[in-house]
C-alpha atoms as a PDB file:
ATOM      1  CA  MET A   1     146.730  -9.941 230.233  1.00  0.00           C
ATOM      2  CA  ALA A   2     149.864 -11.313 228.599  1.00  0.00           C
ATOM      3  CA  PHE A   3     150.964 -14.548 227.035  1.00  0.00           C
ATOM      4  CA  VAL A   4     153.130 -16.883 229.122  1.00  0.00           C
ATOM      5  CA  ILE A   5     155.771 -19.373 228.017  1.00  0.00           C
ATOM      6  CA  THR A   6     155.623 -22.694 229.890  1.00  0.00           C
ATOM      7  CA  SER A   7     157.734 -25.826 230.481  1.00  0.00           C
ATOM      8  CA  PRO A   8     157.898 -27.281 226.939  1.00  0.00           C
ATOM      9  CA  CYS A   9     160.168 -24.355 226.031  1.00  0.00           C
ATOM     10  CA  GLU A  10     162.753 -25.470 228.583  1.00  0.00           C
ATOM     11  CA  THR A  11     163.816 -28.373 226.426  1.00  0.00           C
ATOM     12  CA  GLU A  12     163.145 -26.798 223.039  1.00  0.00           C
ATOM     13  CA  LYS A  13     164.076 -23.093 222.980  1.00  0.00           C
ATOM     14  CA  ALA A  14     163.259 -22.937 219.270  1.00  0.00           C
ATOM     15  CA  GLY A  15     162.963 -19.136 219.003  1.00  0.00           C
ATOM     16  CA  GLU A  16     160.308 -18.754 216.327  1.00  0.00           C
ATOM     17  CA  CYS A  17     158.330 -16.703 218.837  1.00  0.00           C
ATOM     18  CA  VAL A  18     161.068 -14.074 219.046  1.00  0.00           C
ATOM     19  CA  GLU A  19     161.144 -13.688 215.266  1.00  0.00           C
ATOM     20  CA  VAL A  20     157.402 -12.969 214.935  1.00  0.00           C
ATOM     21  CA  CYS A  21     156.808 -10.752 217.983  1.00  0.00           C
ATOM     22  CA  PRO A  22     155.883  -7.270 216.694  1.00  0.00           C
ATOM     23  CA  VAL A  23     156.818  -5.522 219.965  1.00  0.00           C
ATOM     24  CA  ASP A  24     160.003  -7.443 220.861  1.00  0.00           C
ATOM     25  CA  CYS A  25     158.681  -8.526 224.262  1.00  0.00           C
ATOM     26  CA  ILE A  26     160.247 -12.009 224.205  1.00  0.00           C
ATOM     27  CA  GLU A  27     163.730 -12.458 225.607  1.00  0.00           C
ATOM     28  CA  GLU A  28     165.992 -15.454 225.923  1.00  0.00           C
ATOM     29  CA  GLY A  29     166.901 -16.635 229.402  1.00  0.00           C
ATOM     30  CA  LYS A  30     169.359 -19.331 230.419  1.00  0.00           C
ATOM     31  CA  ASP A  31     166.913 -22.226 230.023  1.00  0.00           C
ATOM     32  CA  MET A  32     163.966 -20.832 228.076  1.00  0.00           C
ATOM     33  CA  PHE A  33     162.341 -17.760 226.564  1.00  0.00           C
ATOM     34  CA  TYR A  34     160.240 -15.301 228.567  1.00  0.00           C
ATOM     35  CA  ILE A  35     157.501 -12.828 227.631  1.00  0.00           C
ATOM     36  CA  ASP A  36     157.533  -9.407 229.284  1.00  0.00           C
ATOM     37  CA  PRO A  37     153.957  -8.979 230.572  1.00  0.00           C
ATOM     38  CA  ASP A  38     154.311  -5.173 230.571  1.00  0.00           C
ATOM     39  CA  ILE A  39     155.126  -5.042 226.859  1.00  0.00           C
ATOM     40  CA  CYS A  40     153.062  -7.948 225.433  1.00  0.00           C
ATOM     41  CA  ILE A  41     150.121  -6.696 223.359  1.00  0.00           C
ATOM     42  CA  ASP A  42     148.287 -10.056 223.318  1.00  0.00           C
ATOM     43  CA  CYS A  43     148.481 -10.384 219.541  1.00  0.00           C
ATOM     44  CA  GLY A  44     148.964 -14.165 219.595  1.00  0.00           C
ATOM     45  CA  ALA A  45     151.657 -14.254 216.913  1.00  0.00           C
ATOM     46  CA  CYS A  46     154.027 -16.143 219.218  1.00  0.00           C
ATOM     47  CA  GLU A  47     151.452 -18.717 220.209  1.00  0.00           C
ATOM     48  CA  ALA A  48     150.707 -19.549 216.590  1.00  0.00           C
ATOM     49  CA  VAL A  49     154.327 -20.354 215.687  1.00  0.00           C
ATOM     50  CA  CYS A  50     155.507 -22.184 218.813  1.00  0.00           C
ATOM     51  CA  PRO A  51     156.506 -25.698 217.641  1.00  0.00           C
ATOM     52  CA  VAL A  52     156.046 -27.216 221.121  1.00  0.00           C
ATOM     53  CA  GLU A  53     152.817 -25.393 222.085  1.00  0.00           C
ATOM     54  CA  ALA A  54     154.453 -23.826 225.153  1.00  0.00           C
ATOM     55  CA  ILE A  55     152.688 -20.445 224.925  1.00  0.00           C
ATOM     56  CA  TYR A  56     149.320 -19.671 226.521  1.00  0.00           C
ATOM     57  CA  MET A  57     147.238 -16.654 227.441  1.00  0.00           C
ATOM     58  CA  GLU A  58     147.806 -16.063 231.147  1.00  0.00           C
ATOM     59  CA  ASP A  59     144.267 -17.085 232.087  1.00  0.00           C
ATOM     60  CA  GLU A  60     144.526 -20.275 229.984  1.00  0.00           C
ATOM     61  CA  VAL A  61     147.795 -21.658 231.401  1.00  0.00           C
ATOM     62  CA  PRO A  62     147.208 -25.279 232.475  1.00  0.00           C
ATOM     63  CA  GLU A  63     147.028 -25.691 236.245  1.00  0.00           C
ATOM     64  CA  GLU A  64     150.241 -27.726 236.387  1.00  0.00           C
ATOM     65  CA  GLU A  65     152.073 -24.907 234.559  1.00  0.00           C
ATOM     66  CA  THR A  66     150.894 -21.894 236.597  1.00  0.00           C
ATOM     67  CA  LYS A  67     154.307 -21.401 238.238  1.00  0.00           C
ATOM     68  CA  TYR A  68     155.505 -20.119 234.854  1.00  0.00           C
ATOM     69  CA  ILE A  69     153.274 -17.056 235.156  1.00  0.00           C
ATOM     70  CA  GLU A  70     155.370 -15.861 238.090  1.00  0.00           C
ATOM     71  CA  LEU A  71     158.648 -17.045 236.519  1.00  0.00           C
ATOM     72  CA  ASN A  72     157.946 -14.873 233.469  1.00  0.00           C
ATOM     73  CA  ARG A  73     157.246 -11.829 235.667  1.00  0.00           C
ATOM     74  CA  LYS A  74     160.305 -12.392 237.877  1.00  0.00           C
ATOM     75  CA  PHE A  75     162.610 -12.694 234.874  1.00  0.00           C
ATOM     76  CA  PHE A  76     161.852  -9.098 233.892  1.00  0.00           C
ATOM     77  CA  GLN A  77     161.911  -7.732 237.444  1.00  0.00           C
ATOM     78  CA  GLU A  78     165.465  -8.990 237.945  1.00  0.00           C
ATOM     79  CA  GLU A  79     166.940  -7.330 234.843  1.00  0.00           C
END
């Protein structure tokens, strides 16, 4: 199970998460950052530094944000 970046990142795009990720699984998209679910090791470093609290464990994503689970996956399938 991977971490997922949700809607608050769309307006923030701060990038602290990229700096602390030990496996470089976070990439910048046009509007927000995305976490590659195949590389994420569930360490939680990104979640701890996100200034807008946009990062959740996949099974803890709020119901109104669940579309971001698929958006994160699709971002890496289209590369």
